[in-house]
Amino acid sequence: MRYTPQGPMGYYFEDCAVGDVHITAGRTITEADIVNFGGIIGDYNPIHFDAEYVKGTFFGQRIAHGMLTLSFATGLVNQLGANMKTILAFKGLEFEFRAPVFIGDTIHVEMTTTETRRSGKLPGGWVTQQVQIIKQDGTVVQQGQWSALIALRPE
């Protein structure tokens, strides 16, 4: 098991083992984050932007876009440095959005490596991780898995 609040620059495929755990630093979601993200992608749904409208919903207050939360999670993971210059391709992800993230919530990411498989054709290996995005009260707001092709250590 490995804990990496500020990991080394670039884990190679050979450095990845089933059971490895990585935990990121936290990031607080701001109103500016929601406004900027909504503007970039063109999603102006009132559950993100209209404080009066959302009072009448079961959320009761504005929520962050689910994809904003997931995007910040990828950024937090990159800040660990583990994928710097060693990630060759992102294969895909499967995620479930479980709970809302509100303005002022702080999220972090916890990842556990669940599979490693050397590629027969490509210069790397596939690494799959179980991922949880967790806010400050311990609520898992999103969970799922993602996979990437990680470079082999140079000879």
Protein backbone atom coordinates (compact mmCIF):
# COMPACT_ATOMS: atom_id res chain seq x y z
CA MET A 1 0.00 0.00 0.00
CA ARG A 2 1.28 3.47 -0.86
CA TYR A 3 0.05 6.84 0.39
CA THR A 4 0.98 9.70 -1.92
CA PRO A 5 0.04 13.20 -0.78
CA GLN A 6 2.80 14.46 -3.09
CA GLY A 7 4.13 11.53 -5.05
CA PRO A 8 7.13 11.20 -7.30
CA MET A 9 7.07 12.49 -10.83
CA GLY A 10 5.86 9.74 -13.08
CA TYR A 11 5.17 6.21 -11.93
CA TYR A 12 5.95 3.68 -14.63
CA PHE A 13 3.85 0.59 -15.22
CA GLU A 14 6.36 -1.47 -13.21
CA ASP A 15 5.75 0.80 -10.20
CA CYS A 16 2.00 0.03 -10.14
CA ALA A 17 0.72 -2.85 -8.05
CA VAL A 18 -2.74 -4.14 -7.25
CA GLY A 19 -3.71 -2.78 -3.84
CA ASP A 20 -1.77 0.49 -4.13
CA VAL A 21 -3.74 3.36 -2.60
CA HIS A 22 -3.31 7.00 -3.56
CA ILE A 23 -5.00 9.89 -1.73
CA THR A 24 -5.02 13.43 -3.08
CA ALA A 25 -5.07 16.78 -1.38
CA GLY A 26 -8.42 18.55 -1.07
CA ARG A 27 -10.03 21.24 -3.22
CA THR A 28 -12.86 23.52 -2.14
CA ILE A 29 -15.55 24.16 -4.76
CA THR A 30 -16.39 27.86 -5.18
CA GLU A 31 -19.20 29.75 -6.83
CA ALA A 32 -16.66 31.06 -9.35
CA ASP A 33 -15.77 27.44 -10.26
CA ILE A 34 -19.41 26.68 -11.04
CA VAL A 35 -19.96 29.90 -13.01
CA ASN A 36 -16.77 29.46 -15.03
CA PHE A 37 -17.38 25.77 -15.75
CA GLY A 38 -21.00 26.38 -16.75
CA GLY A 39 -19.87 29.14 -19.10
CA ILE A 40 -17.21 26.98 -20.70
CA ILE A 41 -19.52 24.05 -21.42
CA GLY A 42 -22.74 26.03 -21.92
CA ASP A 43 -24.68 24.35 -19.10
CA TYR A 44 -26.78 27.05 -17.41
CA ASN A 45 -29.22 24.73 -15.68
CA PRO A 46 -30.86 26.67 -12.82
CA ILE A 47 -29.83 24.00 -10.28
CA HIS A 48 -26.32 25.40 -10.73
CA PHE A 49 -27.08 29.10 -11.21
CA ASP A 50 -30.42 30.18 -9.70
CA ALA A 51 -30.35 30.34 -5.89
CA GLU A 52 -34.09 31.13 -5.65
CA TYR A 53 -35.17 28.38 -8.03
CA VAL A 54 -33.11 25.70 -6.31
CA LYS A 55 -34.62 26.52 -2.89
CA GLY A 56 -37.74 24.74 -4.16
CA THR A 57 -35.87 21.55 -5.12
CA PHE A 58 -34.75 18.69 -2.91
CA PHE A 59 -31.19 20.05 -3.11
CA GLY A 60 -32.21 23.31 -1.39
CA GLN A 61 -29.12 25.11 -2.66
CA ARG A 62 -27.04 25.37 -5.82
CA ILE A 63 -24.95 22.33 -6.73
CA ALA A 64 -21.77 21.88 -8.70
CA HIS A 65 -22.02 20.22 -12.09
CA GLY A 66 -21.26 16.51 -11.78
CA MET A 67 -18.71 16.80 -14.57
CA LEU A 68 -17.06 19.74 -12.78
CA THR A 69 -16.51 17.54 -9.75
CA LEU A 70 -15.13 14.74 -11.92
CA SER A 71 -12.90 17.21 -13.78
CA PHE A 72 -11.49 18.55 -10.52
CA ALA A 73 -10.84 14.95 -9.44
CA THR A 74 -8.65 14.36 -12.49
CA GLY A 75 -6.77 17.57 -11.71
CA LEU A 76 -6.23 16.55 -8.09
CA VAL A 77 -4.86 13.21 -9.27
CA ASN A 78 -2.51 14.93 -11.70
CA GLN A 79 -1.21 17.11 -8.87
CA LEU A 80 0.10 13.93 -7.23
CA GLY A 81 2.60 13.77 -10.08
CA ALA A 82 2.19 10.02 -10.50
CA ASN A 83 1.13 10.29 -14.16
CA MET A 84 3.49 13.07 -15.23
CA LYS A 85 5.20 12.06 -18.47
CA THR A 86 4.25 8.40 -18.01
CA ILE A 87 0.56 8.27 -18.92
CA LEU A 88 0.30 7.38 -22.61
CA ALA A 89 -3.46 7.15 -23.08
CA PHE A 90 -6.64 7.36 -21.07
CA LYS A 91 -8.76 4.31 -21.91
CA GLY A 92 -12.04 5.23 -20.27
CA LEU A 93 -14.10 5.51 -17.14
CA GLU A 94 -17.33 4.37 -15.60
CA PHE A 95 -18.71 6.57 -12.82
CA GLU A 96 -21.77 6.88 -10.62
CA PHE A 97 -22.84 10.27 -9.24
CA ARG A 98 -24.11 9.55 -5.72
CA ALA A 99 -24.49 12.84 -3.84
CA PRO A 100 -24.45 16.56 -4.59
CA VAL A 101 -21.46 18.84 -4.15
CA PHE A 102 -22.37 22.31 -2.88
CA ILE A 103 -20.54 25.61 -2.97
CA GLY A 104 -18.03 25.46 -0.12
CA ASP A 105 -17.64 21.67 -0.08
CA THR A 106 -14.08 20.34 -0.16
CA ILE A 107 -13.42 17.18 -2.16
CA HIS A 108 -10.49 14.81 -2.36
CA VAL A 109 -9.86 11.58 -4.28
CA GLU A 110 -8.97 8.11 -3.03
CA MET A 111 -7.85 5.56 -5.63
CA THR A 112 -7.00 1.90 -5.30
CA THR A 113 -5.28 -0.01 -8.10
CA THR A 114 -7.42 -3.03 -8.93
CA GLU A 115 -5.77 -4.41 -12.06
CA THR A 116 -2.50 -4.18 -13.98
CA ARG A 117 -1.96 -5.82 -17.34
CA ARG A 118 0.98 -5.38 -19.66
CA SER A 119 -0.03 -4.59 -23.22
CA GLY A 120 1.03 -7.04 -25.87
CA LYS A 121 1.05 -4.45 -28.63
CA LEU A 122 1.69 -1.07 -27.01
CA PRO A 123 4.75 0.23 -25.11
CA GLY A 124 3.08 0.16 -21.71
CA GLY A 125 0.58 -1.54 -19.48
CA TRP A 126 -3.05 -1.00 -18.57
CA VAL A 127 -3.74 0.15 -15.02
CA THR A 128 -7.29 0.19 -13.65
CA GLN A 129 -8.15 2.04 -10.47
CA GLN A 130 -11.24 2.11 -8.29
CA VAL A 131 -11.88 5.79 -7.57
CA GLN A 132 -13.90 7.59 -4.91
CA ILE A 133 -14.46 11.32 -4.75
CA ILE A 134 -15.19 12.19 -1.14
CA LYS A 135 -16.25 15.44 0.49
CA GLN A 136 -15.25 16.80 3.88
CA ASP A 137 -17.97 14.99 5.85
CA GLY A 138 -16.95 11.60 4.45
CA THR A 139 -19.76 11.38 1.89
CA VAL A 140 -18.75 9.60 -1.31
CA VAL A 141 -20.12 11.94 -3.97
CA GLN A 142 -18.89 9.99 -7.00
CA GLN A 143 -17.35 6.58 -7.45
CA GLY A 144 -16.28 4.35 -10.25
CA GLN A 145 -13.21 3.25 -12.10
CA TRP A 146 -10.88 4.51 -14.75
CA SER A 147 -8.15 2.90 -16.81
CA ALA A 148 -5.05 4.24 -18.48
CA LEU A 149 -2.08 3.03 -20.47
CA ILE A 150 1.08 3.71 -18.45
CA ALA A 151 4.57 3.74 -20.00
CA LEU A 152 7.10 1.01 -19.33
CA ARG A 153 10.26 2.02 -17.50
CA PRO A 154 12.97 2.94 -20.05
CA GLU A 155 15.74 0.37 -20.35
